[in-house]
Amino acid sequence: MTKFRLMLILPVLMVLVGADYPVLQDKPIDDLVKLATAAIQKGNADNLSALFFSTIDLDLQGEENFYSKSQASKLLEDFFQKNKPVKFNITHRGAKDVTAFAIGKLETETTVFRVSIFIKMLDNKAQIHQLRIESDDEGI
């Protein structure tokens, strides 16, 4: 009888605390942020650009434009060759409805950059629609 009561109460509790929907909504975003973090840490432009929409708003040190995935990948490859990553970590995150962001600090051999990743959900898939890599005025 106890097992039967639990089966009746558990769905009601999940609805009351909102455990069913937000967990499903955040998982694709969490997965994307983990993949993006790993790609940036390794300086892997191909893995990073695989997370982009077909076109992306890319800002590399003040040079901002809309690029295709392949164009963005080539620009990022050049950036990572000139700025070898040493360490990257996410410092701020947020999400609302179908959008999210993650901001992190990228330490390279010579400079520190602030990296801003802007994400949108489309058809239950999270993708990066904007990426900004700017000099970090605060330094290391």
Protein backbone atom coordinates (compact mmCIF):
# COMPACT_ATOMS: atom_id res chain seq x y z
CA MET A 1 0.00 0.00 0.00
CA THR A 2 2.89 2.42 0.74
CA LYS A 3 4.31 1.97 -2.75
CA PHE A 4 0.92 2.81 -4.24
CA ARG A 5 0.66 6.03 -2.19
CA LEU A 6 4.14 7.06 -3.27
CA MET A 7 3.19 6.54 -6.92
CA LEU A 8 0.20 8.86 -6.40
CA ILE A 9 2.03 11.53 -4.41
CA LEU A 10 5.29 11.72 -6.37
CA PRO A 11 3.83 13.21 -9.60
CA VAL A 12 1.91 15.81 -7.57
CA LEU A 13 5.08 16.80 -5.69
CA MET A 14 7.05 17.09 -8.93
CA VAL A 15 4.45 19.44 -10.37
CA LEU A 16 4.30 21.51 -7.19
CA VAL A 17 8.07 22.04 -7.05
CA GLY A 18 8.41 22.39 -10.82
CA ALA A 19 10.90 19.55 -11.11
CA ASP A 20 9.70 18.17 -14.41
CA TYR A 21 10.03 21.11 -16.84
CA PRO A 22 13.07 23.23 -15.83
CA VAL A 23 15.39 20.23 -15.60
CA LEU A 24 14.55 19.28 -19.18
CA GLN A 25 14.90 22.86 -20.40
CA ASP A 26 18.32 23.51 -18.80
CA LYS A 27 20.06 20.27 -19.80
CA PRO A 28 20.72 21.19 -23.47
CA ILE A 29 22.08 24.57 -22.37
CA ASP A 30 24.28 23.00 -19.66
CA ASP A 31 25.60 20.47 -22.18
CA LEU A 32 26.37 23.19 -24.72
CA VAL A 33 28.20 25.33 -22.14
CA LYS A 34 30.32 22.32 -21.13
CA LEU A 35 31.20 21.58 -24.77
CA ALA A 36 31.97 25.24 -25.50
CA THR A 37 34.13 25.50 -22.38
CA ALA A 38 36.14 22.43 -23.39
CA ALA A 39 36.58 23.72 -26.97
CA ILE A 40 37.75 27.16 -25.82
CA GLN A 41 40.09 25.64 -23.20
CA LYS A 42 41.73 23.54 -25.93
CA GLY A 43 41.62 26.28 -28.56
CA ASN A 44 39.61 23.98 -30.82
CA ALA A 45 37.82 26.19 -33.36
CA ASP A 46 36.18 23.26 -35.16
CA ASN A 47 34.53 21.89 -32.01
CA LEU A 48 33.44 25.36 -30.96
CA SER A 49 31.97 26.29 -34.35
CA ALA A 50 30.01 23.00 -34.40
CA LEU A 51 27.90 24.58 -31.62
CA PHE A 52 26.96 27.64 -33.72
CA PHE A 53 23.80 28.43 -35.63
CA SER A 54 24.37 28.46 -39.41
CA THR A 55 25.29 32.15 -39.06
CA ILE A 56 26.78 33.77 -35.97
CA ASP A 57 27.41 37.27 -34.70
CA LEU A 58 31.13 37.05 -33.94
CA ASP A 59 33.13 39.80 -32.23
CA LEU A 60 36.87 39.17 -32.02
CA GLN A 61 38.57 42.05 -30.21
CA GLY A 62 36.24 44.70 -31.64
CA GLU A 63 35.99 43.24 -35.16
CA GLU A 64 32.29 42.33 -35.26
CA ASN A 65 30.27 40.90 -38.11
CA PHE A 66 27.90 38.09 -39.06
CA TYR A 67 29.70 35.01 -40.39
CA SER A 68 28.83 31.54 -41.59
CA LYS A 69 29.93 28.63 -39.40
CA SER A 70 32.89 27.90 -41.67
CA GLN A 71 34.03 31.54 -41.83
CA ALA A 72 33.75 31.85 -38.05
CA SER A 73 35.71 28.63 -37.60
CA LYS A 74 38.59 29.96 -39.72
CA LEU A 75 38.65 33.27 -37.83
CA LEU A 76 38.64 31.46 -34.48
CA GLU A 77 41.37 29.08 -35.64
CA ASP A 78 43.53 32.09 -36.48
CA PHE A 79 42.68 33.70 -33.13
CA PHE A 80 43.63 30.56 -31.17
CA GLN A 81 46.90 30.18 -33.10
CA LYS A 82 47.87 33.72 -32.10
CA ASN A 83 46.46 33.37 -28.56
CA LYS A 84 47.17 29.89 -27.17
CA PRO A 85 44.72 29.14 -24.34
CA VAL A 86 46.20 28.38 -20.95
CA LYS A 87 43.03 28.42 -18.83
CA PHE A 88 39.33 29.10 -19.37
CA ASN A 89 36.55 29.16 -16.81
CA ILE A 90 32.97 30.38 -16.73
CA THR A 91 32.42 33.16 -14.18
CA HIS A 92 28.74 34.10 -14.79
CA ARG A 93 25.71 32.32 -16.22
CA GLY A 94 22.06 33.05 -16.72
CA ALA A 95 18.98 31.88 -18.59
CA LYS A 96 15.47 33.08 -19.32
CA ASP A 97 12.86 31.44 -21.51
CA VAL A 98 14.67 30.25 -24.67
CA THR A 99 17.86 32.29 -24.25
CA ALA A 100 20.93 31.94 -22.05
CA PHE A 101 24.39 33.37 -21.63
CA ALA A 102 27.72 32.36 -20.17
CA ILE A 103 30.63 34.72 -19.51
CA GLY A 104 34.11 33.54 -18.79
CA LYS A 105 37.75 34.48 -18.52
CA LEU A 106 40.22 33.12 -21.07
CA GLU A 107 43.86 33.26 -20.03
CA THR A 108 46.31 32.87 -22.90
CA GLU A 109 50.10 32.86 -22.93
CA THR A 110 50.16 36.65 -23.33
CA THR A 111 46.73 38.16 -22.63
CA VAL A 112 43.49 37.73 -20.68
CA PHE A 113 40.18 37.88 -22.56
CA ARG A 114 36.57 38.12 -21.53
CA VAL A 115 34.47 35.62 -23.48
CA SER A 116 30.70 36.09 -23.76
CA ILE A 117 28.59 33.27 -25.18
CA PHE A 118 24.95 33.92 -26.07
CA ILE A 119 22.71 30.91 -26.61
CA LYS A 120 19.25 30.31 -28.06
CA MET A 121 17.07 27.23 -27.94
CA LEU A 122 15.46 26.19 -31.21
CA ASP A 123 13.54 22.92 -31.57
CA ASN A 124 14.84 21.72 -28.17
CA LYS A 125 18.43 22.24 -29.32
CA ALA A 126 20.75 24.84 -27.80
CA GLN A 127 23.06 26.69 -30.17
CA ILE A 128 25.38 29.68 -29.93
CA HIS A 129 24.09 32.70 -31.84
CA GLN A 130 26.65 35.25 -30.63
CA LEU A 131 30.24 35.00 -29.40
CA ARG A 132 32.36 37.89 -28.15
CA ILE A 133 36.05 37.71 -27.27
CA GLU A 134 37.31 40.99 -25.84
CA SER A 135 40.39 42.11 -23.94
CA ASP A 136 39.80 41.88 -20.21
CA ASP A 137 40.73 45.22 -18.65
CA GLU A 138 40.97 43.65 -15.19
CA GLY A 139 43.82 41.33 -16.21
CA ILE A 140 44.69 38.10 -14.47
